[in-house]
Amino acid sequence: GEIEERMWVAGRDILARPLQNILAQDSASEVRAALASNVSLDEEIVRFFVGQAEAPVCAALAINPVVPLDLVQELAATRHPSVLAALSYREVLEADLVRFLLAHSPDFRNHWAQQQRPISDMEFETAKTLVVDPLPSVRALAIAGCPAWRLADLYEIARDPSPLVRLAAVRHPRASDELLAERASDDVPEIAALAQQLRETRQRTAVSSLRAQATAPARSAPATASSSAAAATAVAAAAAPSSANASAPASAPAARTGAASESVFAPAPPLATSPAPAPRFVTRSSPGLFNKLKRIFF
């Protein structure tokens, strides 16, 4: 039959192993790629395709959920740009592999970042490299994925020309009150609203904590009138916006929030104030194979 007909057959939900064997050796790469994306693909055929290391076929395998995790590492070892990019769309990945590819594969990293897929334990050295990337979504990933950023670093990062990066800085758990106060007047309404919401949440939390302390029974002696008055004063102070929260330090440089291209590679993803759903991470399946992958990349 024609190539389109054979591709249609290769994509059928139920495909007998003998027919898979025939299609796996089809002269057209489009047919082999269609078979590689089939969720009923036999593991022996998967291993055959991985051994052939053909870019279009391996890219199709990269997003096929039936491919075992050890073979996912083998796919990464092909170093085909299209395969590494396709791996970033895979639902289940090993956490170590994700961290490794974020650090060493621009193709994987760019596509992962453009999807705004999260990673929560990025190494600080990797984050420092990614935060100067020309792609705003990669810089935002560097901020959101690393918990080790210093307060001063975040304050400067929050003045990035890209709204996506500023939003990541506002969301960061170590964002200071001063940072949130400055971003509460951001030119982008979504960023300003989120910063203000986080400021108000912090203030309510502080008030609730102080009220709990003020009303808790004393363990050693009854509270005196002066101590109760002091607690009430502290509650009132926490409820009112502080001068530190009201404005940024006077010595801080002006915010760089002017219009700027969101991406030098592709259109930027829409600005969303809620993080993207987390991918499913699993533990490493083959440390020896992972070490082999490192040697291939280096």
Protein backbone atom coordinates (compact mmCIF):
# COMPACT_ATOMS: atom_id res chain seq x y z
CA GLY A 1 0.00 0.00 0.00
CA GLU A 2 0.87 3.69 0.00
CA ILE A 3 2.92 5.24 2.80
CA GLU A 4 -0.18 6.88 4.33
CA GLU A 5 -1.96 3.53 4.43
CA ARG A 6 0.98 1.81 6.11
CA MET A 7 1.22 4.69 8.61
CA TRP A 8 -2.47 4.18 9.40
CA VAL A 9 -1.87 0.49 10.04
CA ALA A 10 1.19 1.24 12.21
CA GLY A 11 -0.93 3.50 14.42
CA ARG A 12 -3.69 0.96 15.12
CA ASP A 13 -4.42 0.38 18.82
CA ILE A 14 -4.06 -3.40 18.56
CA LEU A 15 -1.19 -4.53 16.39
CA ALA A 16 0.03 -8.13 16.26
CA ARG A 17 3.72 -8.75 16.88
CA PRO A 18 4.36 -10.29 13.42
CA LEU A 19 2.90 -7.17 11.78
CA GLN A 20 5.03 -4.97 14.03
CA ASN A 21 8.11 -6.87 12.83
CA ILE A 22 7.21 -6.14 9.22
CA LEU A 23 6.44 -2.44 9.81
CA ALA A 24 9.62 -1.98 11.86
CA GLN A 25 11.62 -2.70 8.69
CA ASP A 26 9.48 -0.55 6.40
CA SER A 27 11.47 1.48 3.87
CA ALA A 28 9.68 4.71 4.85
CA SER A 29 10.85 6.45 8.02
CA GLU A 30 7.36 7.94 8.43
CA VAL A 31 5.94 4.43 8.83
CA ARG A 32 8.61 3.42 11.33
CA ALA A 33 8.00 6.63 13.30
CA ALA A 34 4.25 5.95 13.35
CA LEU A 35 4.94 2.49 14.73
CA ALA A 36 7.36 3.91 17.31
CA SER A 37 4.58 6.11 18.72
CA ASN A 38 2.16 3.18 19.08
CA VAL A 39 1.37 2.39 22.73
CA SER A 40 1.03 -1.31 21.91
CA LEU A 41 4.63 -1.44 20.69
CA ASP A 42 6.47 -4.58 21.77
CA GLU A 43 9.55 -3.97 23.93
CA GLU A 44 11.78 -5.96 21.58
CA ILE A 45 10.78 -3.61 18.76
CA VAL A 46 11.51 -0.65 21.06
CA ARG A 47 15.01 -1.98 21.70
CA PHE A 48 15.52 -2.57 17.97
CA PHE A 49 14.57 1.02 17.20
CA VAL A 50 16.80 2.41 19.95
CA GLY A 51 19.70 0.41 18.57
CA GLN A 52 19.11 1.91 15.12
CA ALA A 53 19.25 5.43 16.66
CA GLU A 54 17.27 6.99 13.81
CA ALA A 55 16.27 10.55 14.81
CA PRO A 56 12.59 10.65 13.66
CA VAL A 57 11.90 7.20 15.10
CA CYS A 58 13.65 7.91 18.41
CA ALA A 59 11.78 11.21 18.73
CA ALA A 60 8.52 9.27 18.45
CA LEU A 61 9.75 6.77 21.04
CA ALA A 62 10.67 9.61 23.39
CA ILE A 63 7.04 10.46 24.12
CA ASN A 64 5.70 6.89 24.01
CA PRO A 65 4.79 5.92 27.62
CA VAL A 66 5.49 2.21 27.02
CA VAL A 67 9.23 2.83 26.57
CA PRO A 68 11.10 1.58 29.70
CA LEU A 69 13.06 4.15 31.68
CA ASP A 70 16.43 2.54 30.96
CA LEU A 71 15.73 2.96 27.25
CA VAL A 72 14.73 6.59 27.83
CA GLN A 73 18.30 7.17 28.96
CA GLU A 74 19.52 5.42 25.81
CA LEU A 75 17.35 7.79 23.77
CA ALA A 76 18.97 10.76 25.49
CA ALA A 77 22.36 9.27 24.69
CA THR A 78 21.65 9.60 20.95
CA ARG A 79 22.03 13.37 21.43
CA HIS A 80 19.73 14.05 18.50
CA PRO A 81 18.28 17.55 19.07
CA SER A 82 14.78 16.42 18.07
CA VAL A 83 14.94 13.47 20.49
CA LEU A 84 16.11 15.62 23.41
CA ALA A 85 13.37 18.14 22.68
CA ALA A 86 10.76 15.36 22.54
CA LEU A 87 11.92 13.94 25.88
CA SER A 88 10.91 17.22 27.55
CA TYR A 89 7.26 16.39 26.76
CA ARG A 90 7.38 12.93 28.32
CA GLU A 91 5.00 12.56 31.28
CA VAL A 92 7.20 10.30 33.44
CA LEU A 93 10.93 10.94 33.75
CA GLU A 94 13.71 10.18 36.18
CA ALA A 95 14.44 13.21 38.36
CA ASP A 96 18.20 12.80 37.96
CA LEU A 97 17.85 12.66 34.19
CA VAL A 98 15.76 15.84 34.15
CA ARG A 99 18.32 17.73 36.25
CA PHE A 100 21.15 16.47 34.05
CA LEU A 101 19.47 17.43 30.78
CA LEU A 102 18.41 20.83 32.08
CA ALA A 103 22.05 21.53 32.79
CA HIS A 104 23.59 20.05 29.62
CA SER A 105 21.02 20.02 26.80
CA PRO A 106 19.75 23.35 25.44
CA ASP A 107 17.18 21.51 23.30
CA PHE A 108 15.65 19.73 26.30
CA ARG A 109 15.95 22.82 28.51
CA ASN A 110 14.29 25.24 26.09
CA HIS A 111 11.31 23.00 25.43
CA TRP A 112 10.93 22.12 29.11
CA ALA A 113 10.95 25.80 30.03
CA GLN A 114 8.53 26.83 27.29
CA GLN A 115 6.02 24.37 28.76
CA GLN A 116 6.62 25.99 32.19
CA ARG A 117 7.14 22.52 33.65
CA PRO A 118 8.44 22.81 37.23
CA ILE A 119 11.54 21.39 38.88
CA SER A 120 11.99 22.03 42.60
CA ASP A 121 15.58 21.06 43.47
CA MET A 122 17.80 22.53 40.79
CA GLU A 123 21.42 22.90 41.82
CA PHE A 124 22.48 26.49 42.47
CA GLU A 125 25.36 26.32 39.97
CA THR A 126 22.94 25.24 37.24
CA ALA A 127 20.48 27.96 38.22
CA LYS A 128 23.19 30.65 38.03
CA THR A 129 23.96 29.55 34.47
CA LEU A 130 20.34 29.43 33.38
CA VAL A 131 19.40 32.80 34.87
CA VAL A 132 21.43 34.60 32.20
CA ASP A 133 19.91 32.60 29.34
CA PRO A 134 18.45 34.75 26.51
CA LEU A 135 15.14 32.87 26.71
CA PRO A 136 12.85 34.38 29.40
CA SER A 137 11.15 31.07 30.14
CA VAL A 138 14.55 29.51 30.93
CA ARG A 139 15.41 32.37 33.27
CA ALA A 140 12.05 31.93 34.99
CA LEU A 141 12.76 28.21 35.35
CA ALA A 142 16.09 29.00 36.99
CA ILE A 143 14.32 31.16 39.57
CA ALA A 144 11.42 28.83 40.30
CA GLY A 145 13.51 25.66 40.34
CA CYS A 146 16.20 26.70 42.82
CA PRO A 147 15.37 27.32 46.51
CA ALA A 148 18.85 28.66 47.28
CA TRP A 149 18.59 32.16 45.78
CA ARG A 150 19.71 34.97 48.09
CA LEU A 151 17.30 37.76 48.94
CA ALA A 152 19.49 40.33 47.19
CA ASP A 153 19.66 38.19 44.05
CA LEU A 154 15.88 37.85 43.95
CA TYR A 155 15.44 41.58 44.41
CA GLU A 156 17.53 42.28 41.30
CA ILE A 157 16.01 39.42 39.31
CA ALA A 158 12.55 40.82 40.03
CA ARG A 159 13.49 43.79 37.82
CA ASP A 160 14.02 41.64 34.73
CA PRO A 161 12.47 43.08 31.55
CA SER A 162 10.42 39.91 31.10
CA PRO A 163 7.12 39.64 33.03
CA LEU A 164 7.59 35.88 33.16
CA VAL A 165 10.83 36.25 35.12
CA ARG A 166 9.43 38.91 37.44
CA LEU A 167 6.47 36.66 38.17
CA ALA A 168 8.81 33.80 39.08
CA ALA A 169 10.67 36.07 41.49
CA VAL A 170 7.40 37.15 43.15
CA ARG A 171 6.33 33.52 43.54
CA HIS A 172 9.65 32.45 45.07
CA PRO A 173 9.25 31.44 48.75
CA ARG A 174 12.25 33.59 49.71
CA ALA A 175 10.91 36.76 48.10
CA SER A 176 11.31 39.57 50.62
CA ASP A 177 8.62 41.98 51.80
CA GLU A 178 10.48 44.76 49.99
CA LEU A 179 10.40 42.80 46.73
CA LEU A 180 6.65 42.19 47.03
CA ALA A 181 6.06 45.85 47.88
CA GLU A 182 7.87 47.00 44.75
CA ARG A 183 6.18 44.45 42.49
CA ALA A 184 2.76 45.40 43.89
CA SER A 185 3.05 48.40 41.57
CA ASP A 186 4.31 46.40 38.58
CA ASP A 187 3.19 47.48 35.11
CA VAL A 188 1.73 44.01 34.50
CA PRO A 189 -1.60 43.69 36.37
CA GLU A 190 -1.20 39.96 37.05
CA ILE A 191 2.15 40.49 38.75
CA ALA A 192 0.94 43.46 40.77
CA ALA A 193 -2.17 41.58 41.93
CA LEU A 194 -0.20 38.49 42.97
CA ALA A 195 2.41 40.55 44.83
CA GLN A 196 -0.32 42.41 46.71
CA GLN A 197 -2.13 39.17 47.50
CA LEU A 198 1.06 37.64 48.94
CA ARG A 199 1.72 40.77 51.03
CA GLU A 200 -1.77 40.63 52.50
CA THR A 201 -1.44 36.90 53.19
CA ARG A 202 1.80 37.48 55.08
CA GLN A 203 0.24 40.27 57.12
CA ARG A 204 -2.78 38.13 58.03
CA THR A 205 -0.51 35.28 59.03
CA ALA A 206 1.55 37.58 61.26
CA VAL A 207 -1.59 39.01 62.88
CA SER A 208 -3.03 35.55 63.52
CA SER A 209 0.22 34.36 65.07
CA LEU A 210 0.48 37.36 67.39
CA ARG A 211 -3.16 37.09 68.43
CA ALA A 212 -2.64 33.44 69.26
CA GLN A 213 0.32 34.39 71.43
CA ALA A 214 -1.63 37.18 73.12
CA THR A 215 -4.60 34.96 74.00
CA ALA A 216 -2.67 31.82 74.97
CA PRO A 217 -2.68 31.09 78.76
CA ALA A 218 0.60 31.93 80.45
CA ARG A 219 2.56 28.88 81.56
CA SER A 220 4.38 30.43 84.50
CA ALA A 221 2.37 33.47 85.61
CA PRO A 222 -0.80 35.33 84.62
CA ALA A 223 -0.36 37.99 81.99
CA THR A 224 -0.01 41.49 83.31
CA ALA A 225 -1.81 44.49 81.94
CA SER A 226 1.42 45.81 80.47
CA SER A 227 2.23 42.54 78.66
CA SER A 228 -1.32 42.37 77.24
CA ALA A 229 -1.04 45.93 76.05
CA ALA A 230 2.30 45.17 74.43
CA ALA A 231 0.82 42.19 72.61
CA ALA A 232 -2.11 44.29 71.38
CA THR A 233 0.30 46.92 70.12
CA ALA A 234 2.28 44.26 68.25
CA VAL A 235 -0.90 42.95 66.63
CA ALA A 236 -1.86 46.42 65.46
CA ALA A 237 1.63 47.02 64.11
CA ALA A 238 1.56 43.77 62.16
CA ALA A 239 -1.84 44.60 60.69
CA ALA A 240 -0.65 47.96 59.35
CA PRO A 241 1.62 48.08 56.26
CA SER A 242 5.20 48.71 57.35
CA SER A 243 7.38 51.39 55.83
CA ALA A 244 9.68 48.64 54.53
CA ASN A 245 6.79 46.99 52.72
CA ALA A 246 5.37 50.24 51.42
CA SER A 247 8.32 51.04 49.19
CA ALA A 248 11.60 49.64 47.97
CA PRO A 249 14.92 50.85 49.44
CA ALA A 250 15.80 54.33 48.25
CA SER A 251 19.15 53.14 46.91
CA ALA A 252 17.58 50.52 44.63
CA PRO A 253 17.93 51.22 40.89
CA ALA A 254 14.86 51.93 38.82
CA ALA A 255 12.84 48.91 37.69
CA ARG A 256 13.41 47.75 34.13
CA THR A 257 9.87 46.95 33.16
CA GLY A 258 9.82 48.38 29.68
CA ALA A 259 8.51 46.44 26.70
CA ALA A 260 10.77 43.58 25.63
CA SER A 261 10.58 40.51 23.46
CA GLU A 262 9.46 37.55 25.56
CA SER A 263 11.57 35.07 23.61
CA VAL A 264 14.30 35.01 21.01
CA PHE A 265 13.39 31.46 19.96
CA ALA A 266 9.59 31.20 19.99
CA PRO A 267 6.51 33.09 21.20
CA ALA A 268 6.41 33.24 24.99
CA PRO A 269 3.81 31.15 26.84
CA PRO A 270 0.86 33.05 28.30
CA LEU A 271 1.48 34.63 31.68
CA ALA A 272 -0.14 32.44 34.34
CA THR A 273 -0.06 33.22 38.04
CA SER A 274 -0.46 29.53 38.97
CA PRO A 275 2.48 27.16 38.42
CA ALA A 276 2.12 24.40 35.82
CA PRO A 277 1.27 20.88 37.04
CA ALA A 278 4.32 18.96 38.18
CA PRO A 279 5.55 16.07 36.04
CA ARG A 280 5.85 12.59 37.51
CA PHE A 281 9.39 11.97 38.70
CA VAL A 282 10.75 8.52 39.53
CA THR A 283 14.00 7.31 41.03
CA ARG A 284 16.94 6.31 38.89
CA SER A 285 16.51 2.89 37.31
CA SER A 286 20.10 2.24 36.26
CA PRO A 287 22.98 4.19 37.88
CA GLY A 288 25.51 2.52 35.57
CA LEU A 289 23.65 3.58 32.46
CA PHE A 290 23.25 7.11 33.84
CA ASN A 291 27.03 7.34 34.35
CA LYS A 292 27.46 6.20 30.75
CA LEU A 293 25.13 8.99 29.67
CA LYS A 294 27.26 11.52 31.51
CA ARG A 295 30.38 10.32 29.71
CA ILE A 296 28.62 10.62 26.35
CA PHE A 297 27.62 14.24 27.01
CA PHE A 298 30.98 15.25 28.38
